């Protein structure tokens, strides 16, 4: 999209949905981490970390959408996709290297 110069349009309902998604993910992550700690459950604590990453990714998308909608920075929306690619690649690397 960046190389082709495609200018995506923004969607107020899409922006609202992404904002809601980010807020819910962060709240859910905090709840999972707190409950995992209280129960001494490492799986639930790890799930809290994963959900925190989901919230961070939703925030990156929201930032791209918001910059496109408010400032006309058409490139911000597709550039946010690179944040997602980076995070995915980092997670894959961690899976295959055992977190080292």
PDB file of N, CA and C in Angstrom:
ATOM      1  N   UNK A   1       0.825  -1.191   0.000  1.00  0.00           N
ATOM      2  CA  UNK A   1       0.000   0.000   0.000  1.00  0.00           C
ATOM      3  C   UNK A   1       0.871   1.257   0.000  1.00  0.00           C
ATOM      4  N   UNK A   2       1.958   1.230   0.764  1.00  0.00           N
ATOM      5  CA  UNK A   2       2.828   2.399   0.804  1.00  0.00           C
ATOM      6  C   UNK A   2       3.510   2.626  -0.540  1.00  0.00           C
ATOM      7  N   UNK A   3       4.041   1.558  -1.134  1.00  0.00           N
ATOM      8  CA  UNK A   3       4.741   1.690  -2.406  1.00  0.00           C
ATOM      9  C   UNK A   3       3.796   2.128  -3.524  1.00  0.00           C
ATOM     10  N   UNK A   4       2.584   1.637  -3.491  1.00  0.00           N
ATOM     11  CA  UNK A   4       1.613   1.983  -4.526  1.00  0.00           C
ATOM     12  C   UNK A   4       0.989   3.354  -4.291  1.00  0.00           C
ATOM     13  N   UNK A   5       1.143   3.891  -3.074  1.00  0.00           N
ATOM     14  CA  UNK A   5       0.561   5.194  -2.765  1.00  0.00           C
ATOM     15  C   UNK A   5      -0.949   5.162  -2.610  1.00  0.00           C
ATOM     16  N   UNK A   6      -1.476   3.992  -2.299  1.00  0.00           N
ATOM     17  CA  UNK A   6      -2.922   3.863  -2.102  1.00  0.00           C
ATOM     18  C   UNK A   6      -3.336   4.651  -0.865  1.00  0.00           C
ATOM     19  N   UNK A   7      -4.330   5.486  -0.991  1.00  0.00           N
ATOM     20  CA  UNK A   7      -4.802   6.316   0.120  1.00  0.00           C
ATOM     21  C   UNK A   7      -6.067   5.698   0.725  1.00  0.00           C
ATOM     22  N   UNK A   8      -5.932   4.983   1.841  1.00  0.00           N
ATOM     23  CA  UNK A   8      -7.119   4.384   2.454  1.00  0.00           C
ATOM     24  C   UNK A   8      -8.025   5.457   3.045  1.00  0.00           C
ATOM     25  N   UNK A   9      -9.299   5.202   2.998  1.00  0.00           N
ATOM     26  CA  UNK A   9     -10.262   6.111   3.620  1.00  0.00           C
ATOM     27  C   UNK A   9     -10.451   5.692   5.065  1.00  0.00           C
ATOM     28  N   UNK A  10     -10.897   6.616   5.880  1.00  0.00           N
ATOM     29  CA  UNK A  10     -11.128   6.291   7.281  1.00  0.00           C
ATOM     30  C   UNK A  10     -12.616   6.033   7.515  1.00  0.00           C
ATOM     31  N   UNK A  11     -12.877   5.332   8.610  1.00  0.00           N
ATOM     32  CA  UNK A  11     -14.242   4.962   8.968  1.00  0.00           C
ATOM     33  C   UNK A  11     -14.455   5.285  10.439  1.00  0.00           C
ATOM     34  N   UNK A  12     -15.281   6.273  10.758  1.00  0.00           N
ATOM     35  CA  UNK A  12     -15.529   6.576  12.168  1.00  0.00           C
ATOM     36  C   UNK A  12     -16.001   5.357  12.980  1.00  0.00           C
ATOM     37  N   UNK A  13     -16.909   4.513  12.436  1.00  0.00           N
ATOM     38  CA  UNK A  13     -17.273   3.322  13.215  1.00  0.00           C
ATOM     39  C   UNK A  13     -16.075   2.377  13.415  1.00  0.00           C
ATOM     40  N   UNK A  14     -15.203   2.270  12.410  1.00  0.00           N
ATOM     41  CA  UNK A  14     -14.012   1.427  12.535  1.00  0.00           C
ATOM     42  C   UNK A  14     -13.058   1.957  13.592  1.00  0.00           C
ATOM     43  N   UNK A  15     -12.906   3.268  13.635  1.00  0.00           N
ATOM     44  CA  UNK A  15     -12.046   3.889  14.643  1.00  0.00           C
ATOM     45  C   UNK A  15     -12.626   3.652  16.031  1.00  0.00           C
ATOM     46  N   UNK A  16     -13.930   3.840  16.170  1.00  0.00           N
ATOM     47  CA  UNK A  16     -14.574   3.618  17.472  1.00  0.00           C
ATOM     48  C   UNK A  16     -14.428   2.154  17.902  1.00  0.00           C
ATOM     49  N   UNK A  17     -14.622   1.235  16.980  1.00  0.00           N
ATOM     50  CA  UNK A  17     -14.505  -0.192  17.296  1.00  0.00           C
ATOM     51  C   UNK A  17     -13.076  -0.535  17.731  1.00  0.00           C
ATOM     52  N   UNK A  18     -12.096   0.017  17.043  1.00  0.00           N
ATOM     53  CA  UNK A  18     -10.703  -0.256  17.381  1.00  0.00           C
ATOM     54  C   UNK A  18     -10.356   0.332  18.744  1.00  0.00           C
ATOM     55  N   UNK A  19     -10.874   1.516  19.057  1.00  0.00           N
ATOM     56  CA  UNK A  19     -10.648   2.125  20.369  1.00  0.00           C
ATOM     57  C   UNK A  19     -11.265   1.270  21.471  1.00  0.00           C
ATOM     58  N   UNK A  20     -12.469   0.799  21.236  1.00  0.00           N
ATOM     59  CA  UNK A  20     -13.131  -0.071  22.207  1.00  0.00           C
ATOM     60  C   UNK A  20     -12.355  -1.372  22.387  1.00  0.00           C
ATOM     61  N   UNK A  21     -11.888  -1.927  21.281  1.00  0.00           N
ATOM     62  CA  UNK A  21     -11.100  -3.160  21.337  1.00  0.00           C
ATOM     63  C   UNK A  21      -9.847  -2.966  22.181  1.00  0.00           C
ATOM     64  N   UNK A  22      -9.135  -1.868  21.958  1.00  0.00           N
ATOM     65  CA  UNK A  22      -7.912  -1.606  22.725  1.00  0.00           C
ATOM     66  C   UNK A  22      -8.228  -1.494  24.217  1.00  0.00           C
ATOM     67  N   UNK A  23      -9.262  -0.736  24.554  1.00  0.00           N
ATOM     68  CA  UNK A  23      -9.624  -0.552  25.966  1.00  0.00           C
ATOM     69  C   UNK A  23      -9.982  -1.883  26.622  1.00  0.00           C
ATOM     70  N   UNK A  24     -10.763  -2.693  25.927  1.00  0.00           N
ATOM     71  CA  UNK A  24     -11.169  -3.993  26.476  1.00  0.00           C
ATOM     72  C   UNK A  24      -9.956  -4.911  26.630  1.00  0.00           C
ATOM     73  N   UNK A  25      -9.062  -4.909  25.656  1.00  0.00           N
ATOM     74  CA  UNK A  25      -7.871  -5.769  25.738  1.00  0.00           C
ATOM     75  C   UNK A  25      -7.001  -5.403  26.937  1.00  0.00           C
ATOM     76  N   UNK A  26      -6.796  -4.087  27.172  1.00  0.00           N
ATOM     77  CA  UNK A  26      -5.977  -3.677  28.310  1.00  0.00           C
ATOM     78  C   UNK A  26      -6.645  -4.039  29.635  1.00  0.00           C
ATOM     79  N   UNK A  27      -7.958  -3.858  29.727  1.00  0.00           N
ATOM     80  CA  UNK A  27      -8.674  -4.225  30.949  1.00  0.00           C
ATOM     81  C   UNK A  27      -8.628  -5.735  31.170  1.00  0.00           C
ATOM     82  N   UNK A  28      -8.823  -6.490  30.107  1.00  0.00           N
ATOM     83  CA  UNK A  28      -8.778  -7.947  30.196  1.00  0.00           C
ATOM     84  C   UNK A  28      -7.379  -8.425  30.582  1.00  0.00           C
ATOM     85  N   UNK A  29      -6.356  -7.804  30.010  1.00  0.00           N
ATOM     86  CA  UNK A  29      -4.975  -8.177  30.334  1.00  0.00           C
ATOM     87  C   UNK A  29      -4.692  -7.944  31.809  1.00  0.00           C
ATOM     88  N   UNK A  30      -5.121  -6.808  32.339  1.00  0.00           N
ATOM     89  CA  UNK A  30      -4.903  -6.504  33.752  1.00  0.00           C
ATOM     90  C   UNK A  30      -5.629  -7.519  34.637  1.00  0.00           C
ATOM     91  N   UNK A  31      -6.852  -7.853  34.262  1.00  0.00           N
ATOM     92  CA  UNK A  31      -7.608  -8.832  35.045  1.00  0.00           C
ATOM     93  C   UNK A  31      -6.967 -10.209  35.019  1.00  0.00           C
ATOM     94  N   UNK A  32      -6.496 -10.623  33.858  1.00  0.00           N
ATOM     95  CA  UNK A  32      -5.841 -11.937  33.753  1.00  0.00           C
ATOM     96  C   UNK A  32      -4.555 -11.963  34.564  1.00  0.00           C
ATOM     97  N   UNK A  33      -3.768 -10.900  34.473  1.00  0.00           N
ATOM     98  CA  UNK A  33      -2.506 -10.850  35.221  1.00  0.00           C
ATOM     99  C   UNK A  33      -2.769 -10.859  36.725  1.00  0.00           C
ATOM    100  N   UNK A  34      -3.740 -10.073  37.167  1.00  0.00           N
ATOM    101  CA  UNK A  34      -4.071 -10.007  38.593  1.00  0.00           C
ATOM    102  C   UNK A  34      -4.590 -11.355  39.096  1.00  0.00           C
ATOM    103  N   UNK A  35      -5.476 -11.970  38.340  1.00  0.00           N
ATOM    104  CA  UNK A  35      -6.027 -13.267  38.742  1.00  0.00           C
ATOM    105  C   UNK A  35      -4.961 -14.350  38.699  1.00  0.00           C
ATOM    106  N   UNK A  36      -4.112 -14.319  37.664  1.00  0.00           N
ATOM    107  CA  UNK A  36      -3.027 -15.290  37.561  1.00  0.00           C
ATOM    108  C   UNK A  36      -2.063 -15.193  38.727  1.00  0.00           C
ATOM    109  N   UNK A  37      -1.792 -13.963  39.136  1.00  0.00           N
ATOM    110  CA  UNK A  37      -0.902 -13.767  40.283  1.00  0.00           C
ATOM    111  C   UNK A  37      -1.554 -14.270  41.565  1.00  0.00           C
ATOM    112  N   UNK A  38      -2.828 -13.944  41.753  1.00  0.00           N
ATOM    113  CA  UNK A  38      -3.545 -14.371  42.964  1.00  0.00           C
ATOM    114  C   UNK A  38      -3.648 -15.891  43.047  1.00  0.00           C
ATOM    115  N   UNK A  39      -3.819 -16.538  41.908  1.00  0.00           N
ATOM    116  CA  UNK A  39      -3.955 -17.992  41.872  1.00  0.00           C
ATOM    117  C   UNK A  39      -2.611 -18.703  41.706  1.00  0.00           C
ATOM    118  N   UNK A  40      -1.547 -17.897  41.563  1.00  0.00           N
ATOM    119  CA  UNK A  40      -0.220 -18.443  41.288  1.00  0.00           C
ATOM    120  C   UNK A  40      -0.262 -19.360  40.065  1.00  0.00           C
ATOM    121  N   UNK A  41      -0.925 -18.867  39.021  1.00  0.00           N
ATOM    122  CA  UNK A  41      -1.126 -19.621  37.793  1.00  0.00           C
ATOM    123  C   UNK A  41      -0.280 -19.001  36.676  1.00  0.00           C
ATOM    124  N   UNK A  42       0.836 -19.628  36.318  1.00  0.00           N
ATOM    125  CA  UNK A  42       1.702 -19.045  35.290  1.00  0.00           C
ATOM    126  C   UNK A  42       1.051 -18.978  33.909  1.00  0.00           C
ATOM    127  N   UNK A  43       0.170 -19.890  33.611  1.00  0.00           N
ATOM    128  CA  UNK A  43      -0.499 -19.886  32.310  1.00  0.00           C
ATOM    129  C   UNK A  43      -1.383 -18.644  32.184  1.00  0.00           C
ATOM    130  N   UNK A  44      -2.124 -18.341  33.226  1.00  0.00           N
ATOM    131  CA  UNK A  44      -3.005 -17.173  33.191  1.00  0.00           C
ATOM    132  C   UNK A  44      -2.190 -15.878  33.181  1.00  0.00           C
ATOM    133  N   UNK A  45      -1.069 -15.853  33.885  1.00  0.00           N
ATOM    134  CA  UNK A  45      -0.199 -14.669  33.839  1.00  0.00           C
ATOM    135  C   UNK A  45       0.355 -14.479  32.421  1.00  0.00           C
ATOM    136  N   UNK A  46       0.754 -15.567  31.783  1.00  0.00           N
ATOM    137  CA  UNK A  46       1.253 -15.480  30.405  1.00  0.00           C
ATOM    138  C   UNK A  46       0.144 -15.038  29.466  1.00  0.00           C
ATOM    139  N   UNK A  47      -1.036 -15.537  29.668  1.00  0.00           N
ATOM    140  CA  UNK A  47      -2.180 -15.120  28.858  1.00  0.00           C
ATOM    141  C   UNK A  47      -2.434 -13.620  29.030  1.00  0.00           C
ATOM    142  N   UNK A  48      -2.219 -13.116  30.223  1.00  0.00           N
ATOM    143  CA  UNK A  48      -2.329 -11.678  30.453  1.00  0.00           C
ATOM    144  C   UNK A  48      -1.320 -10.897  29.624  1.00  0.00           C
ATOM    145  N   UNK A  49      -0.100 -11.421  29.506  1.00  0.00           N
ATOM    146  CA  UNK A  49       0.928 -10.771  28.677  1.00  0.00           C
ATOM    147  C   UNK A  49       0.520 -10.776  27.211  1.00  0.00           C
ATOM    148  N   UNK A  50      -0.006 -11.899  26.751  1.00  0.00           N
ATOM    149  CA  UNK A  50      -0.438 -12.004  25.354  1.00  0.00           C
ATOM    150  C   UNK A  50      -1.579 -11.018  25.078  1.00  0.00           C
ATOM    151  N   UNK A  51      -2.506 -10.910  25.989  1.00  0.00           N
ATOM    152  CA  UNK A  51      -3.619  -9.992  25.815  1.00  0.00           C
ATOM    153  C   UNK A  51      -3.138  -8.541  25.858  1.00  0.00           C
ATOM    154  N   UNK A  52      -2.095  -8.265  26.643  1.00  0.00           N
ATOM    155  CA  UNK A  52      -1.503  -6.924  26.665  1.00  0.00           C
ATOM    156  C   UNK A  52      -0.908  -6.596  25.290  1.00  0.00           C
ATOM    157  N   UNK A  53      -0.283  -7.576  24.666  1.00  0.00           N
ATOM    158  CA  UNK A  53       0.249  -7.384  23.311  1.00  0.00           C
ATOM    159  C   UNK A  53      -0.900  -7.093  22.346  1.00  0.00           C
ATOM    160  N   UNK A  54      -2.011  -7.799  22.492  1.00  0.00           N
ATOM    161  CA  UNK A  54      -3.182  -7.539  21.648  1.00  0.00           C
ATOM    162  C   UNK A  54      -3.651  -6.091  21.801  1.00  0.00           C
ATOM    163  N   UNK A  55      -3.679  -5.605  23.032  1.00  0.00           N
ATOM    164  CA  UNK A  55      -4.070  -4.218  23.278  1.00  0.00           C
ATOM    165  C   UNK A  55      -3.098  -3.234  22.653  1.00  0.00           C
ATOM    166  N   UNK A  56      -1.814  -3.554  22.733  1.00  0.00           N
ATOM    167  CA  UNK A  56      -0.787  -2.693  22.134  1.00  0.00           C
ATOM    168  C   UNK A  56      -0.938  -2.653  20.623  1.00  0.00           C
ATOM    169  N   UNK A  57      -1.203  -3.798  20.023  1.00  0.00           N
ATOM    170  CA  UNK A  57      -1.393  -3.850  18.573  1.00  0.00           C
ATOM    171  C   UNK A  57      -2.640  -3.075  18.158  1.00  0.00           C
ATOM    172  N   UNK A  58      -3.713  -3.202  18.916  1.00  0.00           N
ATOM    173  CA  UNK A  58      -4.932  -2.447  18.611  1.00  0.00           C
ATOM    174  C   UNK A  58      -4.667  -0.946  18.729  1.00  0.00           C
ATOM    175  N   UNK A  59      -3.825  -0.555  19.681  1.00  0.00           N
ATOM    176  CA  UNK A  59      -3.481   0.849  19.839  1.00  0.00           C
ATOM    177  C   UNK A  59      -2.661   1.355  18.648  1.00  0.00           C
ATOM    178  N   UNK A  60      -1.755   0.527  18.143  1.00  0.00           N
ATOM    179  CA  UNK A  60      -0.972   0.912  16.960  1.00  0.00           C
ATOM    180  C   UNK A  60      -1.896   1.133  15.764  1.00  0.00           C
ATOM    181  N   UNK A  61      -2.847   0.239  15.580  1.00  0.00           N
ATOM    182  CA  UNK A  61      -3.808   0.385  14.486  1.00  0.00           C
ATOM    183  C   UNK A  61      -4.641   1.647  14.693  1.00  0.00           C
ATOM    184  N   UNK A  62      -5.081   1.869  15.929  1.00  0.00           N
ATOM    185  CA  UNK A  62      -5.874   3.055  16.243  1.00  0.00           C
ATOM    186  C   UNK A  62      -5.096   4.333  15.951  1.00  0.00           C
ATOM    187  N   UNK A  63      -3.827   4.348  16.286  1.00  0.00           N
ATOM    188  CA  UNK A  63      -2.994   5.515  16.013  1.00  0.00           C
ATOM    189  C   UNK A  63      -2.926   5.778  14.506  1.00  0.00           C
ATOM    190  N   UNK A  64      -2.706   4.732  13.723  1.00  0.00           N
ATOM    191  CA  UNK A  64      -2.668   4.889  12.273  1.00  0.00           C
ATOM    192  C   UNK A  64      -3.990   5.398  11.718  1.00  0.00           C
ATOM    193  N   UNK A  65      -5.085   4.832  12.190  1.00  0.00           N
ATOM    194  CA  UNK A  65      -6.403   5.271  11.733  1.00  0.00           C
ATOM    195  C   UNK A  65      -6.675   6.715  12.137  1.00  0.00           C
ATOM    196  N   UNK A  66      -6.305   7.039  13.369  1.00  0.00           N
ATOM    197  CA  UNK A  66      -6.544   8.391  13.873  1.00  0.00           C
ATOM    198  C   UNK A  66      -5.735   9.440  13.125  1.00  0.00           C
ATOM    199  N   UNK A  67      -4.471   9.144  12.847  1.00  0.00           N
ATOM    200  CA  UNK A  67      -3.641  10.089  12.101  1.00  0.00           C
ATOM    201  C   UNK A  67      -4.149  10.280  10.679  1.00  0.00           C
ATOM    202  N   UNK A  68      -4.636   9.219  10.080  1.00  0.00           N
ATOM    203  CA  UNK A  68      -5.216   9.326   8.738  1.00  0.00           C
ATOM    204  C   UNK A  68      -6.478  10.182   8.781  1.00  0.00           C
ATOM    205  N   UNK A  69      -7.325   9.947   9.768  1.00  0.00           N
ATOM    206  CA  UNK A  69      -8.603  10.658   9.836  1.00  0.00           C
ATOM    207  C   UNK A  69      -8.433  12.129  10.211  1.00  0.00           C
ATOM    208  N   UNK A  70      -7.519  12.426  11.143  1.00  0.00           N
ATOM    209  CA  UNK A  70      -7.426  13.796  11.643  1.00  0.00           C
ATOM    210  C   UNK A  70      -6.438  14.669  10.873  1.00  0.00           C
ATOM    211  N   UNK A  71      -5.330  14.090  10.449  1.00  0.00           N
ATOM    212  CA  UNK A  71      -4.292  14.884   9.790  1.00  0.00           C
ATOM    213  C   UNK A  71      -4.130  14.571   8.310  1.00  0.00           C
ATOM    214  N   UNK A  72      -4.884  13.574   7.842  1.00  0.00           N
ATOM    215  CA  UNK A  72      -4.780  13.189   6.441  1.00  0.00           C
ATOM    216  C   UNK A  72      -3.502  12.440   6.111  1.00  0.00           C
ATOM    217  N   UNK A  73      -2.854  11.896   7.117  1.00  0.00           N
ATOM    218  CA  UNK A  73      -1.616  11.135   6.907  1.00  0.00           C
ATOM    219  C   UNK A  73      -1.990   9.737   6.423  1.00  0.00           C
ATOM    220  N   UNK A  74      -2.268   9.630   5.124  1.00  0.00           N
ATOM    221  CA  UNK A  74      -2.736   8.372   4.541  1.00  0.00           C
ATOM    222  C   UNK A  74      -1.770   7.237   4.788  1.00  0.00           C
ATOM    223  N   UNK A  75      -0.495   7.527   4.902  1.00  0.00           N
ATOM    224  CA  UNK A  75       0.534   6.506   5.070  1.00  0.00           C
ATOM    225  C   UNK A  75       0.577   5.944   6.489  1.00  0.00           C
ATOM    226  N   UNK A  76      -0.025   6.638   7.454  1.00  0.00           N
ATOM    227  CA  UNK A  76       0.039   6.190   8.849  1.00  0.00           C
ATOM    228  C   UNK A  76      -0.733   4.888   9.064  1.00  0.00           C
ATOM    229  N   UNK A  77      -1.845   4.736   8.367  1.00  0.00           N
ATOM    230  CA  UNK A  77      -2.647   3.525   8.515  1.00  0.00           C
ATOM    231  C   UNK A  77      -1.890   2.295   8.014  1.00  0.00           C
ATOM    232  N   UNK A  78      -1.379   2.289   6.776  1.00  0.00           N
ATOM    233  CA  UNK A  78      -0.611   1.110   6.354  1.00  0.00           C
ATOM    234  C   UNK A  78       0.706   0.960   7.123  1.00  0.00           C
ATOM    235  N   UNK A  79       1.306   2.068   7.567  1.00  0.00           N
ATOM    236  CA  UNK A  79       2.545   1.965   8.335  1.00  0.00           C
ATOM    237  C   UNK A  79       2.302   1.245   9.660  1.00  0.00           C
ATOM    238  N   UNK A  80       1.119   1.406  10.226  1.00  0.00           N
ATOM    239  CA  UNK A  80       0.787   0.699  11.463  1.00  0.00           C
ATOM    240  C   UNK A  80       0.835  -0.812  11.238  1.00  0.00           C
ATOM    241  N   UNK A  81       0.576  -1.238  10.022  1.00  0.00           N
ATOM    242  CA  UNK A  81       0.683  -2.663   9.694  1.00  0.00           C
ATOM    243  C   UNK A  81       2.088  -3.192   9.904  1.00  0.00           C
ATOM    244  N   UNK A  82       3.091  -2.331   9.695  1.00  0.00           N
ATOM    245  CA  UNK A  82       4.468  -2.765   9.922  1.00  0.00           C
ATOM    246  C   UNK A  82       4.745  -3.014  11.401  1.00  0.00           C
ATOM    247  N   UNK A  83       4.060  -2.298  12.263  1.00  0.00           N
ATOM    248  CA  UNK A  83       4.171  -2.567  13.704  1.00  0.00           C
ATOM    249  C   UNK A  83       3.668  -3.974  13.986  1.00  0.00           C
ATOM    250  N   UNK A  84       2.557  -4.330  13.351  1.00  0.00           N
ATOM    251  CA  UNK A  84       1.997  -5.671  13.539  1.00  0.00           C
ATOM    252  C   UNK A  84       2.960  -6.743  13.026  1.00  0.00           C
ATOM    253  N   UNK A  85       3.558  -6.499  11.870  1.00  0.00           N
ATOM    254  CA  UNK A  85       4.510  -7.459  11.302  1.00  0.00           C
ATOM    255  C   UNK A  85       5.716  -7.613  12.232  1.00  0.00           C
ATOM    256  N   UNK A  86       6.229  -6.501  12.733  1.00  0.00           N
ATOM    257  CA  UNK A  86       7.373  -6.549  13.647  1.00  0.00           C
ATOM    258  C   UNK A  86       7.049  -7.371  14.896  1.00  0.00           C
ATOM    259  N   UNK A  87       5.901  -7.098  15.499  1.00  0.00           N
ATOM    260  CA  UNK A  87       5.519  -7.831  16.719  1.00  0.00           C
ATOM    261  C   UNK A  87       5.329  -9.316  16.429  1.00  0.00           C
ATOM    262  N   UNK A  88       4.724  -9.639  15.305  1.00  0.00           N
ATOM    263  CA  UNK A  88       4.518 -11.045  14.949  1.00  0.00           C
ATOM    264  C   UNK A  88       5.855 -11.739  14.734  1.00  0.00           C
ATOM    265  N   UNK A  89       6.764 -11.074  14.030  1.00  0.00           N
ATOM    266  CA  UNK A  89       8.080 -11.674  13.778  1.00  0.00           C
ATOM    267  C   UNK A  89       8.843 -11.886  15.083  1.00  0.00           C
ATOM    268  N   UNK A  90       8.738 -10.941  15.984  1.00  0.00           N
ATOM    269  CA  UNK A  90       9.404 -11.074  17.285  1.00  0.00           C
ATOM    270  C   UNK A  90       8.836 -12.259  18.074  1.00  0.00           C
ATOM    271  N   UNK A  91       7.531 -12.416  18.042  1.00  0.00           N
ATOM    272  CA  UNK A  91       6.903 -13.534  18.751  1.00  0.00           C
ATOM    273  C   UNK A  91       7.307 -14.871  18.130  1.00  0.00           C
ATOM    274  N   UNK A  92       7.344 -14.928  16.812  1.00  0.00           N
ATOM    275  CA  UNK A  92       7.741 -16.162  16.130  1.00  0.00           C
ATOM    276  C   UNK A  92       9.187 -16.511  16.488  1.00  0.00           C
ATOM    277  N   UNK A  93      10.058 -15.505  16.476  1.00  0.00           N
ATOM    278  CA  UNK A  93      11.454 -15.732  16.838  1.00  0.00           C
ATOM    279  C   UNK A  93      11.549 -16.271  18.263  1.00  0.00           C
ATOM    280  N   UNK A  94      10.773 -15.702  19.168  1.00  0.00           N
ATOM    281  CA  UNK A  94      10.792 -16.149  20.562  1.00  0.00           C
ATOM    282  C   UNK A  94      10.308 -17.593  20.686  1.00  0.00           C
ATOM    283  N   UNK A  95       9.316 -17.946  19.889  1.00  0.00           N
ATOM    284  CA  UNK A  95       8.789 -19.320  19.912  1.00  0.00           C
ATOM    285  C   UNK A  95       9.877 -20.308  19.472  1.00  0.00           C
ATOM    286  N   UNK A  96      10.558 -19.986  18.384  1.00  0.00           N
ATOM    287  CA  UNK A  96      11.542 -20.912  17.825  1.00  0.00           C
ATOM    288  C   UNK A  96      12.876 -20.918  18.552  1.00  0.00           C
ATOM    289  N   UNK A  97      13.179 -19.849  19.268  1.00  0.00           N
ATOM    290  CA  UNK A  97      14.451 -19.820  20.003  1.00  0.00           C
ATOM    291  C   UNK A  97      14.261 -20.124  21.478  1.00  0.00           C
ATOM    292  N   UNK A  98      13.031 -20.324  21.884  1.00  0.00           N
ATOM    293  CA  UNK A  98      12.769 -20.628  23.287  1.00  0.00           C
ATOM    294  C   UNK A  98      12.901 -19.417  24.184  1.00  0.00           C
ATOM    295  N   UNK A  99      12.704 -18.218  23.621  1.00  0.00           N
ATOM    296  CA  UNK A  99      12.743 -17.012  24.415  1.00  0.00           C
ATOM    297  C   UNK A  99      14.132 -16.492  24.708  1.00  0.00           C
ATOM    298  N   UNK A 100      15.137 -16.962  23.963  1.00  0.00           N
ATOM    299  CA  UNK A 100      16.514 -16.513  24.212  1.00  0.00           C
ATOM    300  C   UNK A 100      16.941 -15.534  23.155  1.00  0.00           C
TER     301      UNK A 100
END
